PDB file of N, CA and C in Angstrom:
ATOM      1  N   UNK A   1       0.889  -1.299   0.018  1.00  0.00           N
ATOM      2  CA  UNK A   1       0.065  -0.036  -0.042  1.00  0.00           C
ATOM      3  C   UNK A   1       0.776   1.254   0.130  1.00  0.00           C
ATOM      4  N   UNK A   2       0.649   2.232  -0.864  1.00  0.00           N
ATOM      5  CA  UNK A   2       1.332   3.365  -1.073  1.00  0.00           C
ATOM      6  C   UNK A   2       0.998   4.387   0.070  1.00  0.00           C
ATOM      7  N   UNK A   3       2.079   4.935   0.579  1.00  0.00           N
ATOM      8  CA  UNK A   3       1.947   6.101   1.525  1.00  0.00           C
ATOM      9  C   UNK A   3       1.423   7.287   0.995  1.00  0.00           C
ATOM     10  N   UNK A   4       0.434   8.000   1.636  1.00  0.00           N
ATOM     11  CA  UNK A   4      -0.155   9.305   1.040  1.00  0.00           C
ATOM     12  C   UNK A   4       0.871  10.441   1.388  1.00  0.00           C
ATOM     13  N   UNK A   5       1.195  11.174   0.342  1.00  0.00           N
ATOM     14  CA  UNK A   5       2.154  12.322   0.440  1.00  0.00           C
ATOM     15  C   UNK A   5       1.453  13.259   1.224  1.00  0.00           C
ATOM     16  N   UNK A   6       2.160  14.050   2.280  1.00  0.00           N
ATOM     17  CA  UNK A   6       1.720  15.189   2.982  1.00  0.00           C
ATOM     18  C   UNK A   6       2.484  16.305   2.556  1.00  0.00           C
ATOM     19  N   UNK A   7       2.002  17.576   2.697  1.00  0.00           N
ATOM     20  CA  UNK A   7       2.725  18.674   2.316  1.00  0.00           C
ATOM     21  C   UNK A   7       2.877  19.501   3.482  1.00  0.00           C
ATOM     22  N   UNK A   8       3.971  20.428   3.347  1.00  0.00           N
ATOM     23  CA  UNK A   8       4.237  21.432   4.378  1.00  0.00           C
ATOM     24  C   UNK A   8       4.687  22.624   3.649  1.00  0.00           C
ATOM     25  N   UNK A   9       4.843  23.608   4.441  1.00  0.00           N
ATOM     26  CA  UNK A   9       5.310  25.012   4.038  1.00  0.00           C
ATOM     27  C   UNK A   9       6.542  25.556   4.721  1.00  0.00           C
ATOM     28  N   UNK A  10       7.565  25.888   3.842  1.00  0.00           N
ATOM     29  CA  UNK A  10       8.740  26.361   4.617  1.00  0.00           C
ATOM     30  C   UNK A  10       9.028  27.735   4.124  1.00  0.00           C
ATOM     31  N   UNK A  11       9.318  28.682   5.022  1.00  0.00           N
ATOM     32  CA  UNK A  11       9.570  30.103   4.675  1.00  0.00           C
ATOM     33  C   UNK A  11      11.001  30.474   4.692  1.00  0.00           C
ATOM     34  N   UNK A  12      11.514  31.117   3.742  1.00  0.00           N
ATOM     35  CA  UNK A  12      12.932  31.567   3.546  1.00  0.00           C
ATOM     36  C   UNK A  12      12.821  32.972   3.312  1.00  0.00           C
ATOM     37  N   UNK A  13      13.983  33.619   3.735  1.00  0.00           N
ATOM     38  CA  UNK A  13      14.170  34.990   3.267  1.00  0.00           C
ATOM     39  C   UNK A  13      14.499  35.008   1.853  1.00  0.00           C
ATOM     40  N   UNK A  14      14.176  36.022   0.991  1.00  0.00           N
ATOM     41  CA  UNK A  14      14.357  36.040  -0.368  1.00  0.00           C
ATOM     42  C   UNK A  14      15.758  35.634  -0.767  1.00  0.00           C
ATOM     43  N   UNK A  15      16.766  36.227  -0.109  1.00  0.00           N
ATOM     44  CA  UNK A  15      18.122  35.909  -0.485  1.00  0.00           C
ATOM     45  C   UNK A  15      18.455  34.407  -0.394  1.00  0.00           C
ATOM     46  N   UNK A  16      18.079  33.836   0.623  1.00  0.00           N
ATOM     47  CA  UNK A  16      18.245  32.483   0.818  1.00  0.00           C
ATOM     48  C   UNK A  16      17.618  31.746  -0.150  1.00  0.00           C
ATOM     49  N   UNK A  17      16.271  32.036  -0.515  1.00  0.00           N
ATOM     50  CA  UNK A  17      15.384  31.314  -1.521  1.00  0.00           C
ATOM     51  C   UNK A  17      16.213  31.420  -2.772  1.00  0.00           C
ATOM     52  N   UNK A  18      16.661  32.521  -3.176  1.00  0.00           N
ATOM     53  CA  UNK A  18      17.434  32.687  -4.359  1.00  0.00           C
ATOM     54  C   UNK A  18      18.620  31.829  -4.488  1.00  0.00           C
ATOM     55  N   UNK A  19      19.291  31.754  -3.494  1.00  0.00           N
ATOM     56  CA  UNK A  19      20.621  30.752  -3.375  1.00  0.00           C
ATOM     57  C   UNK A  19      20.082  29.401  -3.624  1.00  0.00           C
ATOM     58  N   UNK A  20      19.054  28.944  -2.945  1.00  0.00           N
ATOM     59  CA  UNK A  20      18.448  27.583  -3.103  1.00  0.00           C
ATOM     60  C   UNK A  20      18.117  27.290  -4.607  1.00  0.00           C
ATOM     61  N   UNK A  21      17.398  28.220  -5.101  1.00  0.00           N
ATOM     62  CA  UNK A  21      16.973  28.114  -6.497  1.00  0.00           C
ATOM     63  C   UNK A  21      18.302  28.138  -7.556  1.00  0.00           C
ATOM     64  N   UNK A  22      19.384  28.929  -7.218  1.00  0.00           N
ATOM     65  CA  UNK A  22      20.538  28.861  -8.013  1.00  0.00           C
ATOM     66  C   UNK A  22      21.314  27.561  -7.922  1.00  0.00           C
ATOM     67  N   UNK A  23      21.440  27.164  -6.695  1.00  0.00           N
ATOM     68  CA  UNK A  23      22.092  25.896  -6.407  1.00  0.00           C
ATOM     69  C   UNK A  23      21.488  24.703  -7.170  1.00  0.00           C
ATOM     70  N   UNK A  24      19.967  24.730  -6.943  1.00  0.00           N
ATOM     71  CA  UNK A  24      19.200  23.617  -7.573  1.00  0.00           C
ATOM     72  C   UNK A  24      19.332  23.644  -9.024  1.00  0.00           C
ATOM     73  N   UNK A  25      19.367  24.892  -9.711  1.00  0.00           N
ATOM     74  CA  UNK A  25      19.723  24.962 -11.087  1.00  0.00           C
ATOM     75  C   UNK A  25      20.981  24.340 -11.558  1.00  0.00           C
ATOM     76  N   UNK A  26      22.129  24.645 -10.699  1.00  0.00           N
ATOM     77  CA  UNK A  26      23.345  24.091 -11.059  1.00  0.00           C
ATOM     78  C   UNK A  26      23.368  22.661 -10.910  1.00  0.00           C
ATOM     79  N   UNK A  27      22.615  22.150 -10.034  1.00  0.00           N
ATOM     80  CA  UNK A  27      22.528  20.682  -9.754  1.00  0.00           C
ATOM     81  C   UNK A  27      21.593  19.915 -10.692  1.00  0.00           C
ATOM     82  N   UNK A  28      20.889  20.885 -11.385  1.00  0.00           N
ATOM     83  CA  UNK A  28      20.060  20.107 -12.478  1.00  0.00           C
ATOM     84  C   UNK A  28      18.771  19.603 -11.846  1.00  0.00           C
ATOM     85  N   UNK A  29      18.246  20.300 -10.760  1.00  0.00           N
ATOM     86  CA  UNK A  29      17.113  19.626 -10.120  1.00  0.00           C
ATOM     87  C   UNK A  29      16.229  20.801  -9.695  1.00  0.00           C
ATOM     88  N   UNK A  30      15.023  20.561  -9.299  1.00  0.00           N
ATOM     89  CA  UNK A  30      14.186  21.517  -8.801  1.00  0.00           C
ATOM     90  C   UNK A  30      14.424  21.990  -7.558  1.00  0.00           C
ATOM     91  N   UNK A  31      14.077  23.155  -7.153  1.00  0.00           N
ATOM     92  CA  UNK A  31      14.345  23.668  -5.878  1.00  0.00           C
ATOM     93  C   UNK A  31      13.576  22.778  -4.669  1.00  0.00           C
ATOM     94  N   UNK A  32      12.432  22.277  -5.089  1.00  0.00           N
ATOM     95  CA  UNK A  32      11.749  21.242  -4.067  1.00  0.00           C
ATOM     96  C   UNK A  32      12.666  20.136  -3.897  1.00  0.00           C
ATOM     97  N   UNK A  33      13.200  19.542  -4.988  1.00  0.00           N
ATOM     98  CA  UNK A  33      14.145  18.383  -4.869  1.00  0.00           C
ATOM     99  C   UNK A  33      15.208  18.720  -4.123  1.00  0.00           C
ATOM    100  N   UNK A  34      15.840  19.827  -4.328  1.00  0.00           N
ATOM    101  CA  UNK A  34      17.100  20.226  -3.542  1.00  0.00           C
ATOM    102  C   UNK A  34      16.721  20.326  -2.136  1.00  0.00           C
ATOM    103  N   UNK A  35      15.656  20.973  -1.721  1.00  0.00           N
ATOM    104  CA  UNK A  35      15.312  21.101  -0.316  1.00  0.00           C
ATOM    105  C   UNK A  35      14.950  19.807   0.320  1.00  0.00           C
ATOM    106  N   UNK A  36      14.190  18.834  -0.322  1.00  0.00           N
ATOM    107  CA  UNK A  36      13.865  17.667   0.234  1.00  0.00           C
ATOM    108  C   UNK A  36      15.138  16.805   0.234  1.00  0.00           C
ATOM    109  N   UNK A  37      16.084  16.846  -0.548  1.00  0.00           N
ATOM    110  CA  UNK A  37      17.404  16.072  -0.384  1.00  0.00           C
ATOM    111  C   UNK A  37      18.254  16.551   0.782  1.00  0.00           C
ATOM    112  N   UNK A  38      18.273  17.974   0.886  1.00  0.00           N
ATOM    113  CA  UNK A  38      18.841  18.397   2.035  1.00  0.00           C
ATOM    114  C   UNK A  38      18.430  18.051   3.340  1.00  0.00           C
ATOM    115  N   UNK A  39      17.098  18.063   3.465  1.00  0.00           N
ATOM    116  CA  UNK A  39      16.451  17.586   4.827  1.00  0.00           C
ATOM    117  C   UNK A  39      16.398  16.118   4.924  1.00  0.00           C
ATOM    118  N   UNK A  40      16.460  15.432   4.010  1.00  0.00           N
ATOM    119  CA  UNK A  40      16.577  13.839   4.127  1.00  0.00           C
ATOM    120  C   UNK A  40      18.109  13.597   4.491  1.00  0.00           C
ATOM    121  N   UNK A  41      19.098  14.277   4.033  1.00  0.00           N
ATOM    122  CA  UNK A  41      20.447  14.034   4.330  1.00  0.00           C
ATOM    123  C   UNK A  41      20.660  14.456   5.813  1.00  0.00           C
ATOM    124  N   UNK A  42      20.084  15.667   6.139  1.00  0.00           N
ATOM    125  CA  UNK A  42      20.459  16.041   7.455  1.00  0.00           C
ATOM    126  C   UNK A  42      19.605  14.975   8.507  1.00  0.00           C
ATOM    127  N   UNK A  43      18.465  14.467   8.186  1.00  0.00           N
ATOM    128  CA  UNK A  43      17.845  13.499   8.883  1.00  0.00           C
ATOM    129  C   UNK A  43      18.663  12.147   9.003  1.00  0.00           C
ATOM    130  N   UNK A  44      19.212  11.740   7.861  1.00  0.00           N
ATOM    131  CA  UNK A  44      20.079  10.477   7.961  1.00  0.00           C
ATOM    132  C   UNK A  44      21.395  10.789   8.791  1.00  0.00           C
ATOM    133  N   UNK A  45      21.803  12.016   8.668  1.00  0.00           N
ATOM    134  CA  UNK A  45      23.095  12.266   9.542  1.00  0.00           C
ATOM    135  C   UNK A  45      22.704  12.129  10.934  1.00  0.00           C
ATOM    136  N   UNK A  46      21.711  12.721  11.350  1.00  0.00           N
ATOM    137  CA  UNK A  46      21.033  12.827  12.776  1.00  0.00           C
ATOM    138  C   UNK A  46      20.917  11.355  13.221  1.00  0.00           C
ATOM    139  N   UNK A  47      20.271  10.444  12.563  1.00  0.00           N
ATOM    140  CA  UNK A  47      20.053   9.267  12.936  1.00  0.00           C
ATOM    141  C   UNK A  47      21.260   8.386  12.963  1.00  0.00           C
ATOM    142  N   UNK A  48      22.155   8.733  12.127  1.00  0.00           N
ATOM    143  CA  UNK A  48      23.485   7.926  12.247  1.00  0.00           C
ATOM    144  C   UNK A  48      24.229   8.253  13.435  1.00  0.00           C
ATOM    145  N   UNK A  49      24.175   9.524  13.746  1.00  0.00           N
ATOM    146  CA  UNK A  49      24.783  10.039  14.944  1.00  0.00           C
ATOM    147  C   UNK A  49      24.117   9.297  16.254  1.00  0.00           C
ATOM    148  N   UNK A  50      22.848   9.411  16.199  1.00  0.00           N
ATOM    149  CA  UNK A  50      22.077   8.784  17.277  1.00  0.00           C
ATOM    150  C   UNK A  50      22.520   7.227  17.460  1.00  0.00           C
ATOM    151  N   UNK A  51      22.579   6.642  16.245  1.00  0.00           N
ATOM    152  CA  UNK A  51      23.064   5.211  16.371  1.00  0.00           C
ATOM    153  C   UNK A  51      24.492   5.109  16.943  1.00  0.00           C
ATOM    154  N   UNK A  52      25.351   5.857  16.421  1.00  0.00           N
ATOM    155  CA  UNK A  52      26.692   5.898  16.877  1.00  0.00           C
ATOM    156  C   UNK A  52      26.867   6.027  18.463  1.00  0.00           C
ATOM    157  N   UNK A  53      26.054   6.897  19.002  1.00  0.00           N
ATOM    158  CA  UNK A  53      26.033   7.272  20.369  1.00  0.00           C
ATOM    159  C   UNK A  53      25.550   5.979  21.154  1.00  0.00           C
ATOM    160  N   UNK A  54      24.488   5.476  20.686  1.00  0.00           N
ATOM    161  CA  UNK A  54      23.753   4.216  21.188  1.00  0.00           C
ATOM    162  C   UNK A  54      24.885   3.028  21.206  1.00  0.00           C
ATOM    163  N   UNK A  55      25.498   2.897  20.124  1.00  0.00           N
ATOM    164  CA  UNK A  55      26.509   1.824  20.037  1.00  0.00           C
ATOM    165  C   UNK A  55      27.634   2.138  20.867  1.00  0.00           C
ATOM    166  N   UNK A  56      28.201   3.379  21.139  1.00  0.00           N
ATOM    167  CA  UNK A  56      29.319   3.636  22.104  1.00  0.00           C
ATOM    168  C   UNK A  56      28.919   3.362  23.449  1.00  0.00           C
ATOM    169  N   UNK A  57      27.719   3.752  23.709  1.00  0.00           N
ATOM    170  CA  UNK A  57      27.147   3.468  25.054  1.00  0.00           C
ATOM    171  C   UNK A  57      27.059   2.033  25.547  1.00  0.00           C
ATOM    172  N   UNK A  58      26.599   1.264  24.540  1.00  0.00           N
ATOM    173  CA  UNK A  58      26.510  -0.230  24.426  1.00  0.00           C
ATOM    174  C   UNK A  58      27.892  -0.869  24.791  1.00  0.00           C
ATOM    175  N   UNK A  59      28.925  -0.269  24.143  1.00  0.00           N
ATOM    176  CA  UNK A  59      30.282  -0.902  24.102  1.00  0.00           C
ATOM    177  C   UNK A  59      30.982  -0.379  25.350  1.00  0.00           C
ATOM    178  N   UNK A  60      30.259   0.317  26.230  1.00  0.00           N
ATOM    179  CA  UNK A  60      30.882   0.888  27.439  1.00  0.00           C
ATOM    180  C   UNK A  60      32.099   1.939  27.106  1.00  0.00           C
ATOM    181  N   UNK A  61      32.139   2.553  25.953  1.00  0.00           N
ATOM    182  CA  UNK A  61      33.164   3.243  25.532  1.00  0.00           C
ATOM    183  C   UNK A  61      34.354   2.595  24.885  1.00  0.00           C
ATOM    184  N   UNK A  62      34.335   1.454  24.823  1.00  0.00           N
ATOM    185  CA  UNK A  62      35.421   0.552  24.000  1.00  0.00           C
ATOM    186  C   UNK A  62      35.189   0.769  22.580  1.00  0.00           C
ATOM    187  N   UNK A  63      36.339   1.050  21.965  1.00  0.00           N
ATOM    188  CA  UNK A  63      36.482   1.326  20.453  1.00  0.00           C
ATOM    189  C   UNK A  63      37.380   0.325  19.829  1.00  0.00           C
ATOM    190  N   UNK A  64      37.381   0.369  18.562  1.00  0.00           N
ATOM    191  CA  UNK A  64      38.309  -0.459  17.644  1.00  0.00           C
ATOM    192  C   UNK A  64      38.978   0.398  16.804  1.00  0.00           C
ATOM    193  N   UNK A  65      40.207   0.375  16.512  1.00  0.00           N
ATOM    194  CA  UNK A  65      40.969   1.212  15.573  1.00  0.00           C
ATOM    195  C   UNK A  65      40.651   1.012  14.299  1.00  0.00           C
ATOM    196  N   UNK A  66      40.828   1.920  13.342  1.00  0.00           N
ATOM    197  CA  UNK A  66      40.625   1.807  11.841  1.00  0.00           C
ATOM    198  C   UNK A  66      41.499   0.723  11.396  1.00  0.00           C
ATOM    199  N   UNK A  67      42.756   0.519  11.916  1.00  0.00           N
ATOM    200  CA  UNK A  67      43.730  -0.454  11.444  1.00  0.00           C
ATOM    201  C   UNK A  67      43.071  -1.918  11.805  1.00  0.00           C
ATOM    202  N   UNK A  68      42.565  -1.904  13.038  1.00  0.00           N
ATOM    203  CA  UNK A  68      42.056  -3.295  13.384  1.00  0.00           C
ATOM    204  C   UNK A  68      40.897  -3.672  12.512  1.00  0.00           C
ATOM    205  N   UNK A  69      40.014  -2.639  12.314  1.00  0.00           N
ATOM    206  CA  UNK A  69      38.947  -2.993  11.489  1.00  0.00           C
ATOM    207  C   UNK A  69      39.420  -3.443   9.886  1.00  0.00           C
ATOM    208  N   UNK A  70      40.310  -2.739   9.475  1.00  0.00           N
ATOM    209  CA  UNK A  70      40.766  -3.112   8.068  1.00  0.00           C
ATOM    210  C   UNK A  70      41.450  -4.624   8.078  1.00  0.00           C
ATOM    211  N   UNK A  71      42.122  -4.877   9.260  1.00  0.00           N
ATOM    212  CA  UNK A  71      42.783  -6.230   9.332  1.00  0.00           C
ATOM    213  C   UNK A  71      41.718  -7.200   9.488  1.00  0.00           C
ATOM    214  N   UNK A  72      40.620  -7.000  10.305  1.00  0.00           N
ATOM    215  CA  UNK A  72      39.443  -7.913  10.413  1.00  0.00           C
ATOM    216  C   UNK A  72      38.905  -8.196   9.022  1.00  0.00           C
ATOM    217  N   UNK A  73      38.790  -7.182   8.169  1.00  0.00           N
ATOM    218  CA  UNK A  73      38.168  -7.285   6.857  1.00  0.00           C
ATOM    219  C   UNK A  73      38.985  -7.729   5.737  1.00  0.00           C
ATOM    220  N   UNK A  74      40.360  -7.896   6.107  1.00  0.00           N
ATOM    221  CA  UNK A  74      41.314  -8.342   5.087  1.00  0.00           C
ATOM    222  C   UNK A  74      41.656  -7.172   4.232  1.00  0.00           C
ATOM    223  N   UNK A  75      41.553  -5.983   4.702  1.00  0.00           N
ATOM    224  CA  UNK A  75      41.993  -4.870   3.684  1.00  0.00           C
ATOM    225  C   UNK A  75      43.224  -4.239   4.074  1.00  0.00           C
ATOM    226  N   UNK A  76      43.940  -4.862   4.863  1.00  0.00           N
ATOM    227  CA  UNK A  76      45.440  -4.241   5.201  1.00  0.00           C
ATOM    228  C   UNK A  76      46.442  -4.469   4.206  1.00  0.00           C
TER     229      UNK A  76
END
């Protein structure tokens, strides 16, 4: 079953909206798609950060070095 699309309104100062439109044009996408992508990227970053904090708490602060991870994956 497809989810229903919901809409919202975002207000920007004229100068910022102009920058959004210019960047979207450079990227070859609509301003709406540019803003949607920016919001989704920020949301993903926030969720990744929360996941990392949870994992660090679960590990009691114990970490593994990058070199050890590469060795475990056979990438050294």
